[in-house]
Amino acid sequence: MNFSSDNRKNQVKIDAIDVTSDVLTSRGGVSLFYRYVNRLGIFDHLSGCFAPLRERRSGISPREILKQIMCFFSDGTQPHLTYFDELHMDSGYAASIETHSSQMASSHQIKRFVGKVSFARTFTLRKSLQRLFIESLKASKPEVIVLGIDTMVMNNDDADRREGVKPTYKKVKGFQPLQMYWDGRIVDAVFRGGDKHSNHSDTVEKMIIHMVRRIRKEYREDVAILIQMDSGFFDQSLFDLCESMHVGYICGGKQYKDIVDYISGYGESEWNIYEKSGTERWEYIGFRDRRASWKRERRALYCRYQTEATGQGVLAFARRDTVIYTNLGVDEVLTEQLRRADRMDVIEDAAILKSYHQRAVDELTNRGVKEFCSEHLPFERFESNMFWYYMMLVSYFVFETFKRDVVGSLVTKLAYPNTVRRRVMDIAVKMTRHAGQTILKVTRGVWEMLDFGTLWRRSGEAIPIAW
């Protein structure tokens, strides 16, 4: 094939390869995340608690190790600890997170540090997670706080020897922490073995008491609080607790024979209709129910699924019938809180049904957490895996906040971590030194496509938290 001389001149041919001394990295967007998190003051806050774990004065400080673990999660290139050994050799990555190359931790240094962490020090991470939640409430100022409570199965079926790995209800061995959700983020959690069911012991009650008291003390005393739970938390003691604290609850129940017999007495014309997106349809009946051991009647809804999202009808034998219990519209103090917030719509039957089905958002949060960092925990000791789990939750909360505050113009609120990584973090940058300053450089295309100058400004405008 013949080419004209002009075409040959326009060809870019690689004739040789060589090594450059330029400081480069392909994960330049991590610098935005680090700049944002550092502004919050979380590294300085945590370093005080973990300072005694420093091996020697010339070694890597706990602040640096915690920073590198959090950036490791946000990067997400590999979930394995051996990736720290690759980062240890990457001077460009070190410069992007403002760390000297000699202070980059290897996988062995990470393991030694985590191996010395105790339960008491790990609890600091849980309190930090709760603090981040309270600060987010103060920033967003919700009139009604809707919380979710559920468990998340972490599949560690391939673990030969790992403390706490037990059979779960999903027929895999692993961990099953109890978690509290708000606005697509996990705001509190209790790390547990896989054999601990949803409402195991009094863990849920203690979580509700602690979080409700903290919200009312540090955010607003008169704010309306609503908790959503599935049938795994169907327990009179939880209902009594919520009612005593004037906290709303929407909880799945069980289809006892007497309830099914009672509902069967209603004619087809007596059922109410709830539609979602114009395709999915449920029929429901509102009634009052009192179990044999209960001291009082409670408001309930019996719901049956009629039409799928495709518009296909569902036959009776394949229907998913649900019983839902709530104290909305019954608790006078809670009703007054909703009235002052102008949210009386929350107590309507259709709104309760909609709210219960929106618990699926919590499952999406679980999916996001597992994508953010692998559900396979890397250590043998239970204490070490607990520390890693809480570091993952704190990092994920900050990552979600970073996504909304800094890069919200590029990705949606519901975007998963990998979408943010591919869109924002996987960019090539060059680090240079000039006139005593370190300068991060990106290509013109990246600068204009991401509006990188604006992202850099936003990442430095985070409001520091008074830890």
Protein backbone atom coordinates (compact mmCIF):
# COMPACT_ATOMS: atom_id res chain seq x y z
CA MET A 1 0.00 0.00 0.00
CA ASN A 2 1.38 3.40 -0.95
CA PHE A 3 1.35 6.41 1.36
CA SER A 4 1.86 10.01 0.34
CA SER A 5 4.74 11.94 1.86
CA ASP A 6 2.27 14.07 3.85
CA ASN A 7 0.77 10.97 5.47
CA ARG A 8 4.23 9.69 6.43
CA LYS A 9 5.01 13.01 8.12
CA ASN A 10 1.80 12.83 10.16
CA GLN A 11 2.54 9.33 11.46
CA VAL A 12 3.78 9.07 15.07
CA LYS A 13 6.05 6.06 15.24
CA ILE A 14 7.73 4.76 18.40
CA ASP A 15 11.33 3.92 17.54
CA ALA A 16 12.71 3.35 21.04
CA ILE A 17 11.85 3.21 24.73
CA ASP A 18 13.64 4.77 27.70
CA VAL A 19 13.17 5.61 31.39
CA THR A 20 12.09 9.05 32.61
CA SER A 21 12.97 10.66 35.91
CA ASP A 22 9.70 12.62 35.91
CA VAL A 23 7.38 11.97 38.87
CA LEU A 24 4.22 10.53 37.30
CA THR A 25 1.15 8.63 38.50
CA SER A 26 -1.99 7.28 36.89
CA ARG A 27 -4.05 7.78 40.09
CA GLY A 28 -3.80 11.53 40.26
CA GLY A 29 -7.40 11.98 41.35
CA VAL A 30 -6.56 10.43 44.74
CA SER A 31 -4.91 13.77 45.54
CA LEU A 32 -8.38 15.39 45.48
CA PHE A 33 -9.70 12.82 47.95
CA TYR A 34 -6.71 13.19 50.28
CA ARG A 35 -6.93 17.00 50.17
CA TYR A 36 -10.64 16.81 51.10
CA VAL A 37 -10.20 14.31 53.96
CA ASN A 38 -7.16 16.08 55.35
CA ARG A 39 -9.19 19.27 55.48
CA LEU A 40 -11.76 17.53 57.71
CA GLY A 41 -9.03 16.90 60.29
CA ILE A 42 -9.75 13.21 60.64
CA PHE A 43 -6.10 12.11 60.39
CA ASP A 44 -5.02 14.43 63.20
CA HIS A 45 -7.97 13.23 65.30
CA LEU A 46 -7.21 9.52 64.90
CA SER A 47 -3.43 9.82 65.16
CA GLY A 48 -3.71 10.85 68.81
CA CYS A 49 -5.46 7.60 69.74
CA PHE A 50 -3.13 5.37 67.74
CA ALA A 51 0.10 7.24 68.53
CA PRO A 52 1.26 4.69 71.17
CA LEU A 53 1.42 2.03 68.44
CA ARG A 54 4.39 3.71 66.75
CA GLU A 55 7.31 1.27 66.73
CA ARG A 56 10.11 3.86 66.91
CA ARG A 57 10.60 7.57 66.35
CA SER A 58 12.26 7.01 62.99
CA GLY A 59 9.47 4.70 61.81
CA ILE A 60 6.28 5.53 59.97
CA SER A 61 3.81 7.44 62.15
CA PRO A 62 0.29 6.07 62.81
CA ARG A 63 -1.05 9.19 61.07
CA GLU A 64 0.74 8.21 57.87
CA ILE A 65 -0.40 4.59 58.09
CA LEU A 66 -4.04 5.55 58.67
CA LYS A 67 -3.84 8.03 55.79
CA GLN A 68 -2.39 5.44 53.44
CA ILE A 69 -5.02 2.86 54.41
CA MET A 70 -7.81 5.34 53.69
CA CYS A 71 -6.28 6.34 50.35
CA PHE A 72 -5.77 2.62 49.59
CA PHE A 73 -9.53 2.10 49.97
CA SER A 74 -10.39 5.14 47.85
CA ASP A 75 -7.99 4.05 45.10
CA GLY A 76 -9.51 0.57 44.86
CA THR A 77 -7.04 -0.74 42.28
CA GLN A 78 -6.51 -3.93 44.27
CA PRO A 79 -8.12 -5.14 47.52
CA HIS A 80 -5.09 -7.20 48.58
CA LEU A 81 -2.55 -6.06 51.16
CA THR A 82 0.29 -6.82 48.74
CA TYR A 83 -0.80 -3.74 46.77
CA PHE A 84 0.88 -1.67 49.48
CA ASP A 85 4.19 -3.10 48.26
CA GLU A 86 3.49 -1.72 44.78
CA LEU A 87 2.53 1.67 46.19
CA HIS A 88 5.64 1.58 48.35
CA MET A 89 7.71 1.80 45.14
CA ASP A 90 5.53 4.41 43.41
CA SER A 91 7.00 7.86 44.00
CA GLY A 92 4.30 9.49 41.89
CA TYR A 93 1.51 8.05 44.05
CA ALA A 94 3.39 9.09 47.19
CA ALA A 95 3.66 12.67 45.92
CA SER A 96 -0.06 12.77 45.02
CA ILE A 97 -1.01 12.04 48.65
CA GLU A 98 1.68 14.41 49.95
CA THR A 99 3.89 11.71 51.47
CA HIS A 100 7.66 11.34 51.19
CA SER A 101 8.67 8.15 49.38
CA SER A 102 10.58 6.94 52.45
CA GLN A 103 7.38 7.09 54.48
CA MET A 104 5.32 4.80 52.22
CA ALA A 105 4.31 1.68 54.18
CA SER A 106 4.84 -1.85 52.91
CA SER A 107 2.32 -4.65 53.43
CA HIS A 108 4.42 -6.03 56.31
CA GLN A 109 4.38 -2.68 58.09
CA ILE A 110 0.60 -2.49 57.67
CA LYS A 111 0.22 -5.99 59.11
CA ARG A 112 2.42 -5.20 62.11
CA PHE A 113 0.48 -2.03 62.84
CA VAL A 114 -2.95 -3.68 62.55
CA GLY A 115 -1.78 -6.62 64.66
CA LYS A 116 -1.22 -4.28 67.60
CA VAL A 117 -4.65 -2.61 67.46
CA SER A 118 -6.92 -3.45 70.40
CA PHE A 119 -10.71 -3.42 70.75
CA ALA A 120 -10.54 -0.14 72.69
CA ARG A 121 -8.63 1.68 69.96
CA THR A 122 -10.92 0.28 67.27
CA PHE A 123 -13.90 1.69 69.17
CA THR A 124 -12.45 5.14 68.42
CA LEU A 125 -13.21 4.49 64.75
CA ARG A 126 -16.83 3.65 65.56
CA LYS A 127 -17.21 6.91 67.50
CA SER A 128 -15.58 8.78 64.60
CA LEU A 129 -18.12 7.27 62.20
CA GLN A 130 -20.95 8.48 64.41
CA ARG A 131 -19.36 11.91 64.60
CA LEU A 132 -19.22 12.16 60.82
CA PHE A 133 -22.94 11.31 60.77
CA ILE A 134 -23.83 14.06 63.24
CA GLU A 135 -21.81 16.61 61.25
CA SER A 136 -23.64 15.57 58.08
CA LEU A 137 -26.97 16.08 59.86
CA LYS A 138 -25.92 19.58 60.86
CA ALA A 139 -24.95 20.33 57.27
CA SER A 140 -28.10 18.95 55.61
CA LYS A 141 -30.59 19.91 58.39
CA PRO A 142 -33.25 17.22 57.78
CA GLU A 143 -36.65 17.71 59.44
CA VAL A 144 -37.24 13.94 59.54
CA ILE A 145 -34.36 11.49 60.01
CA VAL A 146 -35.04 8.13 58.36
CA LEU A 147 -32.70 5.40 59.59
CA GLY A 148 -32.44 1.79 58.47
CA ILE A 149 -31.23 -1.20 60.47
CA ASP A 150 -30.06 -4.40 58.80
CA THR A 151 -27.17 -6.85 58.63
CA MET A 152 -24.61 -7.33 55.87
CA VAL A 153 -23.19 -10.75 55.12
CA MET A 154 -19.47 -10.60 54.29
CA ASN A 155 -18.60 -13.77 52.40
CA ASN A 156 -15.31 -15.21 53.68
CA ASP A 157 -16.12 -18.79 52.70
CA ASP A 158 -12.58 -19.33 51.38
CA ALA A 159 -10.97 -18.53 54.75
CA ASP A 160 -9.20 -21.58 56.16
CA ARG A 161 -8.54 -20.07 59.58
CA ARG A 162 -10.18 -16.80 60.52
CA GLU A 163 -11.69 -15.94 63.91
CA GLY A 164 -15.40 -15.14 63.77
CA VAL A 165 -16.03 -16.70 60.37
CA LYS A 166 -19.24 -18.69 60.90
CA PRO A 167 -22.09 -20.02 58.71
CA THR A 168 -24.58 -17.29 57.76
CA TYR A 169 -28.18 -17.40 56.58
CA LYS A 170 -26.91 -17.01 53.00
CA LYS A 171 -25.27 -20.45 53.30
CA VAL A 172 -21.73 -19.10 53.19
CA LYS A 173 -19.25 -18.66 56.02
CA GLY A 174 -18.28 -15.16 56.94
CA PHE A 175 -19.09 -12.18 59.13
CA GLN A 176 -22.50 -10.58 59.64
CA PRO A 177 -22.18 -7.08 61.17
CA LEU A 178 -25.23 -5.15 62.33
CA GLN A 179 -25.45 -1.77 60.57
CA MET A 180 -27.46 1.45 60.75
CA TYR A 181 -28.05 3.36 57.50
CA TRP A 182 -28.86 6.95 56.60
CA ASP A 183 -29.00 8.57 53.18
CA GLY A 184 -27.03 5.83 51.43
CA ARG A 185 -24.31 5.71 54.10
CA ILE A 186 -23.58 3.52 57.11
CA VAL A 187 -23.59 5.65 60.27
CA ASP A 188 -23.10 3.01 62.97
CA ALA A 189 -22.19 -0.66 63.06
CA VAL A 190 -21.38 -3.59 65.33
CA PHE A 191 -18.89 -6.08 63.90
CA ARG A 192 -20.06 -9.64 64.58
CA GLY A 193 -19.46 -13.23 63.60
CA GLY A 194 -21.51 -14.83 60.86
CA ASP A 195 -23.73 -16.86 63.20
CA LYS A 196 -25.24 -13.77 64.87
CA HIS A 197 -28.77 -13.31 63.51
CA SER A 198 -30.42 -9.94 62.91
CA ASN A 199 -31.79 -9.32 66.40
CA HIS A 200 -29.12 -11.22 68.33
CA SER A 201 -28.97 -10.43 72.05
CA ASP A 202 -29.64 -6.77 72.98
CA THR A 203 -27.28 -5.27 70.39
CA VAL A 204 -30.04 -3.62 68.36
CA GLU A 205 -31.65 -2.06 71.43
CA LYS A 206 -28.34 -0.60 72.59
CA MET A 207 -27.63 0.78 69.11
CA ILE A 208 -31.02 2.49 68.91
CA ILE A 209 -30.75 3.96 72.42
CA HIS A 210 -27.24 5.31 71.83
CA MET A 211 -27.89 6.78 68.38
CA VAL A 212 -31.25 8.36 69.25
CA ARG A 213 -29.78 10.00 72.35
CA ARG A 214 -26.79 11.27 70.40
CA ILE A 215 -28.97 12.70 67.61
CA ARG A 216 -31.20 14.54 70.10
CA LYS A 217 -28.27 15.82 72.13
CA GLU A 218 -25.93 16.89 69.34
CA TYR A 219 -28.33 17.72 66.50
CA ARG A 220 -31.89 18.55 67.59
CA GLU A 221 -33.92 17.42 70.56
CA ASP A 222 -37.30 17.67 68.83
CA VAL A 223 -36.42 16.12 65.44
CA ALA A 224 -38.65 13.29 64.20
CA ILE A 225 -36.78 9.98 63.92
CA LEU A 226 -38.05 7.01 61.92
CA ILE A 227 -36.44 3.55 61.83
CA GLN A 228 -37.05 0.99 59.07
CA MET A 229 -36.47 -2.74 59.72
CA ASP A 230 -37.30 -6.02 58.03
CA SER A 231 -39.03 -9.01 59.63
CA GLY A 232 -35.76 -10.22 61.16
CA PHE A 233 -36.24 -7.49 63.78
CA PHE A 234 -39.89 -8.30 64.51
CA ASP A 235 -39.71 -8.14 68.29
CA GLN A 236 -42.06 -6.66 70.88
CA SER A 237 -39.12 -5.41 72.97
CA LEU A 238 -37.88 -3.27 70.05
CA PHE A 239 -41.37 -1.89 69.50
CA ASP A 240 -41.69 -1.05 73.22
CA LEU A 241 -38.30 0.68 73.14
CA CYS A 242 -39.16 2.84 70.13
CA GLU A 243 -42.54 3.74 71.63
CA SER A 244 -40.97 4.70 74.97
CA MET A 245 -38.51 7.00 73.15
CA HIS A 246 -41.18 8.33 70.76
CA VAL A 247 -39.24 7.04 67.77
CA GLY A 248 -41.20 5.94 64.72
CA TYR A 249 -40.73 2.43 63.36
CA ILE A 250 -41.80 0.56 60.25
CA CYS A 251 -41.04 -3.13 60.64
CA GLY A 252 -41.89 -6.25 58.70
CA GLY A 253 -43.99 -8.83 60.52
CA LYS A 254 -44.89 -12.48 60.14
CA GLN A 255 -47.88 -14.03 58.41
CA TYR A 256 -49.51 -15.85 61.30
CA LYS A 257 -52.47 -18.04 60.44
CA ASP A 258 -54.96 -15.91 62.37
CA ILE A 259 -53.87 -12.81 60.42
CA VAL A 260 -54.21 -14.60 57.06
CA ASP A 261 -57.66 -15.89 58.09
CA TYR A 262 -58.73 -12.41 59.15
CA ILE A 263 -57.55 -10.79 55.91
CA SER A 264 -59.27 -13.46 53.81
CA GLY A 265 -62.60 -12.09 55.05
CA TYR A 266 -62.16 -8.88 53.06
CA GLY A 267 -63.77 -8.65 49.64
CA GLU A 268 -61.81 -7.64 46.52
CA SER A 269 -63.44 -4.19 46.47
CA GLU A 270 -62.21 -3.43 49.99
CA TRP A 271 -58.51 -3.55 49.11
CA ASN A 272 -56.60 -0.29 48.59
CA ILE A 273 -54.13 0.19 45.73
CA TYR A 274 -50.55 1.46 45.86
CA GLU A 275 -48.62 1.90 42.59
CA LYS A 276 -44.94 2.52 42.05
CA SER A 277 -43.65 4.08 38.83
CA GLY A 278 -46.98 3.33 37.16
CA THR A 279 -46.07 -0.36 36.69
CA GLU A 280 -45.59 -2.15 40.00
CA ARG A 281 -48.76 -2.44 42.05
CA TRP A 282 -49.60 -3.59 45.55
CA GLU A 283 -52.95 -4.11 47.27
CA TYR A 284 -53.16 -3.49 51.00
CA ILE A 285 -55.49 -3.54 53.99
CA GLY A 286 -54.96 -1.52 57.17
CA PHE A 287 -55.94 -3.12 60.49
CA ARG A 288 -55.07 -3.34 64.18
CA ASP A 289 -53.29 -6.39 65.57
CA ARG A 290 -52.31 -7.66 68.99
CA ARG A 291 -50.20 -10.76 69.42
CA ALA A 292 -50.89 -13.01 72.42
CA SER A 293 -47.92 -11.71 74.44
CA TRP A 294 -48.47 -8.04 73.58
CA LYS A 295 -49.86 -5.54 76.04
CA ARG A 296 -51.46 -3.36 73.37
CA GLU A 297 -52.74 -3.33 69.81
CA ARG A 298 -50.52 -1.99 67.07
CA ARG A 299 -51.20 -0.49 63.67
CA ALA A 300 -50.55 -2.93 60.84
CA LEU A 301 -50.80 -3.22 57.06
CA TYR A 302 -51.29 -6.42 55.10
CA CYS A 303 -49.80 -6.02 51.63
CA ARG A 304 -49.88 -8.32 48.60
CA TYR A 305 -47.91 -7.90 45.39
CA GLN A 306 -50.08 -7.73 42.28
CA THR A 307 -48.03 -6.49 39.31
CA GLU A 308 -44.30 -6.62 38.54
CA ALA A 309 -42.27 -3.75 37.08
CA THR A 310 -42.68 -5.29 33.62
CA GLY A 311 -46.46 -4.98 33.95
CA GLN A 312 -46.79 -8.76 34.27
CA GLY A 313 -49.43 -9.89 36.75
CA VAL A 314 -48.49 -12.19 39.63
CA LEU A 315 -50.49 -15.35 40.32
CA ALA A 316 -51.78 -15.90 43.85
CA PHE A 317 -49.42 -18.82 44.64
CA ALA A 318 -46.38 -16.75 43.62
CA ARG A 319 -47.38 -13.55 45.40
CA ARG A 320 -45.16 -11.99 48.05
CA ASP A 321 -47.51 -11.07 50.86
CA THR A 322 -46.15 -8.83 53.60
CA VAL A 323 -47.28 -7.73 57.04
CA ILE A 324 -45.98 -4.34 58.20
CA TYR A 325 -46.20 -2.91 61.74
CA THR A 326 -45.78 0.76 62.67
CA ASN A 327 -46.51 3.33 65.36
CA LEU A 328 -46.82 6.22 62.90
CA GLY A 329 -50.08 8.07 63.46
CA VAL A 330 -50.43 6.45 66.90
CA ASP A 331 -47.67 8.07 68.97
CA GLU A 332 -48.91 11.58 69.85
CA VAL A 333 -45.46 13.06 70.52
CA LEU A 334 -44.11 11.74 67.23
CA THR A 335 -47.19 12.98 65.37
CA GLU A 336 -46.66 16.48 66.79
CA GLN A 337 -43.01 16.40 65.64
CA LEU A 338 -44.14 15.48 62.14
CA ARG A 339 -46.80 18.19 62.19
CA ARG A 340 -44.23 20.86 63.08
CA ALA A 341 -42.01 19.57 60.27
CA ASP A 342 -44.99 19.72 57.87
CA ARG A 343 -44.54 16.00 57.12
CA MET A 344 -47.93 14.57 58.08
CA ASP A 345 -47.88 12.73 54.75
CA VAL A 346 -45.49 10.25 56.37
CA ILE A 347 -48.27 8.64 58.44
CA GLU A 348 -50.49 7.77 55.46
CA ASP A 349 -50.85 4.10 54.52
CA ALA A 350 -49.37 4.51 51.05
CA ALA A 351 -46.38 6.45 52.44
CA ILE A 352 -45.71 3.70 55.00
CA LEU A 353 -45.84 1.09 52.28
CA LYS A 354 -43.49 3.12 50.09
CA SER A 355 -41.07 3.68 52.96
CA TYR A 356 -40.92 -0.02 53.79
CA HIS A 357 -40.10 -0.94 50.20
CA GLN A 358 -37.38 1.73 50.07
CA ARG A 359 -35.35 -0.39 52.48
CA ALA A 360 -33.84 -1.80 49.28
CA VAL A 361 -31.63 1.31 49.25
CA ASP A 362 -29.79 -0.19 52.23
CA GLU A 363 -28.98 -3.24 50.13
CA LEU A 364 -27.53 -0.93 47.48
CA THR A 365 -25.41 0.65 50.21
CA ASN A 366 -24.09 -2.81 51.11
CA ARG A 367 -23.23 -3.36 47.49
CA GLY A 368 -21.42 -0.04 47.38
CA VAL A 369 -19.38 -0.89 50.50
CA LYS A 370 -18.35 -4.26 49.06
CA GLU A 371 -17.32 -2.59 45.80
CA PHE A 372 -15.42 0.07 47.72
CA CYS A 373 -13.34 -2.59 49.46
CA SER A 374 -13.57 -6.37 49.20
CA GLU A 375 -15.83 -8.17 51.67
CA HIS A 376 -12.98 -10.68 52.12
CA LEU A 377 -11.22 -9.48 55.26
CA PRO A 378 -7.47 -10.12 55.22
CA PHE A 379 -6.48 -11.03 58.78
CA GLU A 380 -6.72 -14.08 61.03
CA ARG A 381 -7.43 -12.25 64.31
CA PHE A 382 -10.95 -11.02 64.96
CA GLU A 383 -9.62 -7.74 66.43
CA SER A 384 -7.58 -7.03 63.30
CA ASN A 385 -10.51 -7.67 60.96
CA MET A 386 -12.71 -5.47 63.16
CA PHE A 387 -10.23 -2.60 62.80
CA TRP A 388 -10.07 -3.12 59.03
CA TYR A 389 -13.89 -3.19 58.83
CA TYR A 390 -14.34 0.08 60.74
CA MET A 391 -11.57 1.76 58.72
CA MET A 392 -13.48 0.67 55.63
CA LEU A 393 -16.74 2.20 56.93
CA VAL A 394 -15.12 5.50 57.94
CA SER A 395 -13.37 5.68 54.56
CA TYR A 396 -16.59 4.86 52.70
CA PHE A 397 -18.55 7.53 54.58
CA VAL A 398 -15.93 10.16 53.74
CA PHE A 399 -15.75 8.89 50.15
CA GLU A 400 -19.53 9.31 49.77
CA THR A 401 -19.35 12.80 51.23
CA PHE A 402 -16.45 13.63 48.90
CA LYS A 403 -18.51 12.36 45.97
CA ARG A 404 -21.39 14.69 46.81
CA ASP A 405 -19.43 17.76 47.90
CA VAL A 406 -16.58 17.77 45.38
CA VAL A 407 -17.42 15.73 42.27
CA GLY A 408 -21.23 15.92 42.39
CA SER A 409 -21.23 17.79 39.08
CA LEU A 410 -19.60 14.79 37.34
CA VAL A 411 -21.38 11.80 38.87
CA THR A 412 -24.82 11.22 40.36
CA LYS A 413 -25.53 10.79 44.05
CA LEU A 414 -26.25 7.08 43.46
CA ALA A 415 -23.03 6.40 41.52
CA TYR A 416 -21.04 3.41 42.78
CA PRO A 417 -17.40 3.78 43.89
CA ASN A 418 -15.93 2.35 40.68
CA THR A 419 -17.80 4.97 38.64
CA VAL A 420 -16.19 7.73 40.69
CA ARG A 421 -12.79 6.07 40.42
CA ARG A 422 -12.90 5.67 36.65
CA ARG A 423 -14.33 9.16 36.13
CA VAL A 424 -12.26 11.20 38.56
CA MET A 425 -9.38 9.29 40.12
CA ASP A 426 -7.91 7.43 37.14
CA ILE A 427 -6.19 10.45 35.62
CA ALA A 428 -2.50 10.90 34.80
CA VAL A 429 -0.69 13.70 36.61
CA LYS A 430 2.87 14.94 36.76
CA MET A 431 4.46 16.30 39.95
CA THR A 432 7.09 19.00 39.50
CA ARG A 433 9.12 21.29 41.76
CA HIS A 434 9.59 24.95 40.89
CA ALA A 435 10.64 27.91 43.02
CA GLY A 436 10.28 25.86 46.20
CA GLN A 437 6.73 24.74 45.34
CA THR A 438 5.33 21.33 44.45
CA ILE A 439 3.03 21.61 41.44
CA LEU A 440 0.54 19.00 40.23
CA LYS A 441 0.03 19.13 36.47
CA VAL A 442 -2.67 17.54 34.30
CA THR A 443 -3.21 17.60 30.56
CA ARG A 444 -5.28 20.32 28.99
CA GLY A 445 -7.94 17.77 28.07
CA VAL A 446 -8.34 16.57 31.67
CA TRP A 447 -8.32 20.15 32.96
CA GLU A 448 -11.20 21.15 30.71
CA MET A 449 -13.15 17.87 30.75
CA LEU A 450 -13.25 17.59 34.57
CA ASP A 451 -13.01 21.32 35.27
CA PHE A 452 -10.07 20.27 37.44
CA GLY A 453 -9.49 23.75 38.81
CA THR A 454 -12.98 23.77 40.32
CA LEU A 455 -12.53 20.27 41.78
CA TRP A 456 -9.26 21.35 43.38
CA ARG A 457 -10.92 24.40 44.91
CA ARG A 458 -13.87 22.39 46.25
CA SER A 459 -11.61 19.74 47.78
CA GLY A 460 -9.95 22.45 49.86
CA GLU A 461 -13.23 24.00 51.02
CA ALA A 462 -14.36 21.18 53.31
CA ILE A 463 -15.39 22.50 56.72
CA PRO A 464 -13.05 21.16 59.41
CA ILE A 465 -14.78 19.06 62.07
CA ALA A 466 -14.40 19.99 65.73
CA TRP A 467 -13.44 16.50 66.88
